Amino acid sequence: MDTPNRPTLVRDALAALTPIRIKKLFGSEAFFHGERMFAVLGREALVLRLPAPLRTEALSGATARPFLSERLALSQGWVEIPYAEELARLSQLARAAHAAAGRGRAPAKRRFRRAARKAAG
């Protein structure tokens, strides 16, 4: 298969996962399981948030490289997998990222605490 068709095939495979929510983010499509983002379609690579053991395996096997971005620099676990990688491997990693997002904690809600008022004395 030609590389230009790969992003479309990967997008279709991601969209078939359930539950899934797709949202435009950073000029691309981002994929969410509940409120947790687990995948982003990059220009040349699929960006996934993988669980630790799988991330280590993908990085050590040269399948993936660390994803570095200003917007995601504080989040850990993001890797880039080039679209040239076998489609079956891309799908496997995407399913693992989706499953891990479903198992993860719900994101913390922002709570604003009121300042405690000191009793006038």
C-alpha atoms as a PDB file:
ATOM      1  CA  MET A   1       0.000   0.000   0.000  1.00  0.00           C
ATOM      2  CA  ASP A   2       1.143   3.513  -0.678  1.00  0.00           C
ATOM      3  CA  THR A   3       2.227   5.622   2.274  1.00  0.00           C
ATOM      4  CA  PRO A   4      -0.215   8.480   1.420  1.00  0.00           C
ATOM      5  CA  ASN A   5      -3.148   6.087   2.020  1.00  0.00           C
ATOM      6  CA  ARG A   6      -1.850   4.973   5.405  1.00  0.00           C
ATOM      7  CA  PRO A   7      -3.172   7.930   7.440  1.00  0.00           C
ATOM      8  CA  THR A   8      -6.668   7.298   6.060  1.00  0.00           C
ATOM      9  CA  LEU A   9      -6.484   3.581   6.855  1.00  0.00           C
ATOM     10  CA  VAL A  10      -5.193   4.312  10.367  1.00  0.00           C
ATOM     11  CA  ARG A  11      -7.912   6.927  10.911  1.00  0.00           C
ATOM     12  CA  ASP A  12     -10.584   4.431   9.853  1.00  0.00           C
ATOM     13  CA  ALA A  13      -9.166   1.786  12.221  1.00  0.00           C
ATOM     14  CA  LEU A  14      -9.164   4.290  15.104  1.00  0.00           C
ATOM     15  CA  ALA A  15     -12.690   5.469  14.321  1.00  0.00           C
ATOM     16  CA  ALA A  16     -13.922   1.851  14.522  1.00  0.00           C
ATOM     17  CA  LEU A  17     -12.895   1.559  18.191  1.00  0.00           C
ATOM     18  CA  THR A  18     -15.660   1.978  20.771  1.00  0.00           C
ATOM     19  CA  PRO A  19     -16.249   4.081  22.691  1.00  0.00           C
ATOM     20  CA  ILE A  20     -14.497   6.821  20.753  1.00  0.00           C
ATOM     21  CA  ARG A  21     -14.769  10.566  20.361  1.00  0.00           C
ATOM     22  CA  ILE A  22     -12.914  12.413  17.596  1.00  0.00           C
ATOM     23  CA  LYS A  23     -12.097  16.072  17.988  1.00  0.00           C
ATOM     24  CA  LYS A  24     -10.055  18.611  16.017  1.00  0.00           C
ATOM     25  CA  LEU A  25      -6.983  19.504  18.046  1.00  0.00           C
ATOM     26  CA  PHE A  26      -3.739  21.229  17.093  1.00  0.00           C
ATOM     27  CA  GLY A  27      -4.847  21.295  13.447  1.00  0.00           C
ATOM     28  CA  SER A  28      -5.305  17.521  13.351  1.00  0.00           C
ATOM     29  CA  GLU A  29      -7.695  14.873  14.589  1.00  0.00           C
ATOM     30  CA  ALA A  30      -7.389  13.676  18.166  1.00  0.00           C
ATOM     31  CA  PHE A  31      -9.020  10.498  19.473  1.00  0.00           C
ATOM     32  CA  PHE A  32     -10.481  10.200  22.960  1.00  0.00           C
ATOM     33  CA  HIS A  33     -11.752   7.357  25.123  1.00  0.00           C
ATOM     34  CA  GLY A  34     -14.055   9.221  27.473  1.00  0.00           C
ATOM     35  CA  GLU A  35     -12.161  12.358  28.449  1.00  0.00           C
ATOM     36  CA  ARG A  36      -8.698  10.850  27.903  1.00  0.00           C
ATOM     37  CA  MET A  37      -6.876  11.520  24.647  1.00  0.00           C
ATOM     38  CA  PHE A  38      -4.935   8.487  23.420  1.00  0.00           C
ATOM     39  CA  ALA A  39      -4.094   9.181  19.751  1.00  0.00           C
ATOM     40  CA  VAL A  40      -3.416  12.040  17.341  1.00  0.00           C
ATOM     41  CA  LEU A  41      -3.017  11.761  13.582  1.00  0.00           C
ATOM     42  CA  GLY A  42       0.271  13.467  12.784  1.00  0.00           C
ATOM     43  CA  ARG A  43       1.504  14.495   9.380  1.00  0.00           C
ATOM     44  CA  GLU A  44       4.026  11.658   9.022  1.00  0.00           C
ATOM     45  CA  ALA A  45       3.259   9.478  12.035  1.00  0.00           C
ATOM     46  CA  LEU A  46       0.582   8.293  14.420  1.00  0.00           C
ATOM     47  CA  VAL A  47       1.051   9.760  17.889  1.00  0.00           C
ATOM     48  CA  LEU A  48      -0.086   7.448  20.697  1.00  0.00           C
ATOM     49  CA  ARG A  49      -0.087   7.494  24.471  1.00  0.00           C
ATOM     50  CA  LEU A  50       1.052   3.973  25.289  1.00  0.00           C
ATOM     51  CA  PRO A  51       1.174   2.222  28.665  1.00  0.00           C
ATOM     52  CA  ALA A  52       4.692   1.911  30.114  1.00  0.00           C
ATOM     53  CA  PRO A  53       5.613  -1.698  29.187  1.00  0.00           C
ATOM     54  CA  LEU A  54       4.399  -1.356  25.606  1.00  0.00           C
ATOM     55  CA  ARG A  55       5.971   2.097  25.227  1.00  0.00           C
ATOM     56  CA  THR A  56       9.346   0.731  26.374  1.00  0.00           C
ATOM     57  CA  GLU A  57       9.063  -2.197  23.944  1.00  0.00           C
ATOM     58  CA  ALA A  58       8.144   0.077  21.016  1.00  0.00           C
ATOM     59  CA  LEU A  59      10.962   2.527  21.774  1.00  0.00           C
ATOM     60  CA  SER A  60      13.613  -0.166  22.263  1.00  0.00           C
ATOM     61  CA  GLY A  61      12.534  -1.992  19.100  1.00  0.00           C
ATOM     62  CA  ALA A  62      12.899   1.175  17.007  1.00  0.00           C
ATOM     63  CA  THR A  63       9.208   0.987  16.091  1.00  0.00           C
ATOM     64  CA  ALA A  64       8.584   4.321  17.782  1.00  0.00           C
ATOM     65  CA  ARG A  65      10.363   7.462  18.859  1.00  0.00           C
ATOM     66  CA  PRO A  66       9.495   9.762  21.759  1.00  0.00           C
ATOM     67  CA  PHE A  67       6.998  12.454  20.849  1.00  0.00           C
ATOM     68  CA  LEU A  68       8.108  15.887  21.946  1.00  0.00           C
ATOM     69  CA  SER A  69       5.782  18.843  21.689  1.00  0.00           C
ATOM     70  CA  GLU A  70       5.228  22.009  23.654  1.00  0.00           C
ATOM     71  CA  ARG A  71       1.599  21.078  24.219  1.00  0.00           C
ATOM     72  CA  LEU A  72       2.259  17.499  25.300  1.00  0.00           C
ATOM     73  CA  ALA A  73       5.681  17.928  26.906  1.00  0.00           C
ATOM     74  CA  LEU A  74       4.243  17.643  30.406  1.00  0.00           C
ATOM     75  CA  SER A  75       2.320  14.477  29.588  1.00  0.00           C
ATOM     76  CA  GLN A  76       4.253  11.249  29.660  1.00  0.00           C
ATOM     77  CA  GLY A  77       3.880   8.243  27.474  1.00  0.00           C
ATOM     78  CA  TRP A  78       3.504   9.843  24.048  1.00  0.00           C
ATOM     79  CA  VAL A  79       5.342   8.246  21.133  1.00  0.00           C
ATOM     80  CA  GLU A  80       5.336   8.654  17.349  1.00  0.00           C
ATOM     81  CA  ILE A  81       5.012   5.625  15.097  1.00  0.00           C
ATOM     82  CA  PRO A  82       5.666   6.345  11.405  1.00  0.00           C
ATOM     83  CA  TYR A  83       2.835   5.430   9.034  1.00  0.00           C
ATOM     84  CA  ALA A  84       5.374   3.289   7.131  1.00  0.00           C
ATOM     85  CA  GLU A  85       5.184   0.764  10.007  1.00  0.00           C
ATOM     86  CA  GLU A  86       3.107  -2.345   9.286  1.00  0.00           C
ATOM     87  CA  LEU A  87      -0.589  -1.548   9.408  1.00  0.00           C
ATOM     88  CA  ALA A  88      -1.242  -4.512  11.710  1.00  0.00           C
ATOM     89  CA  ARG A  89       1.340  -3.180  14.190  1.00  0.00           C
ATOM     90  CA  LEU A  90      -0.116   0.347  14.055  1.00  0.00           C
ATOM     91  CA  SER A  91      -3.588  -1.080  14.739  1.00  0.00           C
ATOM     92  CA  GLN A  92      -2.308  -3.227  17.602  1.00  0.00           C
ATOM     93  CA  LEU A  93      -0.604  -0.257  19.282  1.00  0.00           C
ATOM     94  CA  ALA A  94      -3.658   1.957  18.730  1.00  0.00           C
ATOM     95  CA  ARG A  95      -5.939  -0.642  20.361  1.00  0.00           C
ATOM     96  CA  ALA A  96      -3.546  -0.873  23.323  1.00  0.00           C
ATOM     97  CA  ALA A  97      -3.523   2.920  23.719  1.00  0.00           C
ATOM     98  CA  HIS A  98      -7.346   2.980  23.531  1.00  0.00           C
ATOM     99  CA  ALA A  99      -7.656   0.229  26.154  1.00  0.00           C
ATOM    100  CA  ALA A 100      -5.163   1.957  28.465  1.00  0.00           C
ATOM    101  CA  ALA A 101      -7.094   5.234  28.191  1.00  0.00           C
ATOM    102  CA  GLY A 102     -10.231   3.370  29.240  1.00  0.00           C
ATOM    103  CA  ARG A 103      -8.509   1.895  32.284  1.00  0.00           C
ATOM    104  CA  GLY A 104      -6.919   5.161  33.390  1.00  0.00           C
ATOM    105  CA  ARG A 105      -8.170   7.469  36.074  1.00  0.00           C
ATOM    106  CA  ALA A 106     -10.621  10.137  35.067  1.00  0.00           C
ATOM    107  CA  PRO A 107      -8.882  13.466  34.620  1.00  0.00           C
ATOM    108  CA  ALA A 108      -8.955  15.627  37.713  1.00  0.00           C
ATOM    109  CA  LYS A 109     -11.666  18.229  37.657  1.00  0.00           C
ATOM    110  CA  ARG A 110     -10.551  21.730  38.300  1.00  0.00           C
ATOM    111  CA  ARG A 111     -11.761  22.806  41.656  1.00  0.00           C
ATOM    112  CA  PHE A 112     -11.466  26.220  43.081  1.00  0.00           C
ATOM    113  CA  ARG A 113     -11.238  26.461  46.814  1.00  0.00           C
ATOM    114  CA  ARG A 114     -12.462  29.478  48.567  1.00  0.00           C
ATOM    115  CA  ALA A 115      -9.941  31.145  50.751  1.00  0.00           C
ATOM    116  CA  ALA A 116     -10.596  30.420  54.394  1.00  0.00           C
ATOM    117  CA  ARG A 117     -11.751  33.522  56.181  1.00  0.00           C
ATOM    118  CA  LYS A 118     -10.108  34.232  59.436  1.00  0.00           C
ATOM    119  CA  ALA A 119     -12.450  34.960  62.288  1.00  0.00           C
ATOM    120  CA  ALA A 120     -12.257  38.545  63.338  1.00  0.00           C
ATOM    121  CA  GLY A 121     -10.972  38.658  66.805  1.00  0.00           C
END
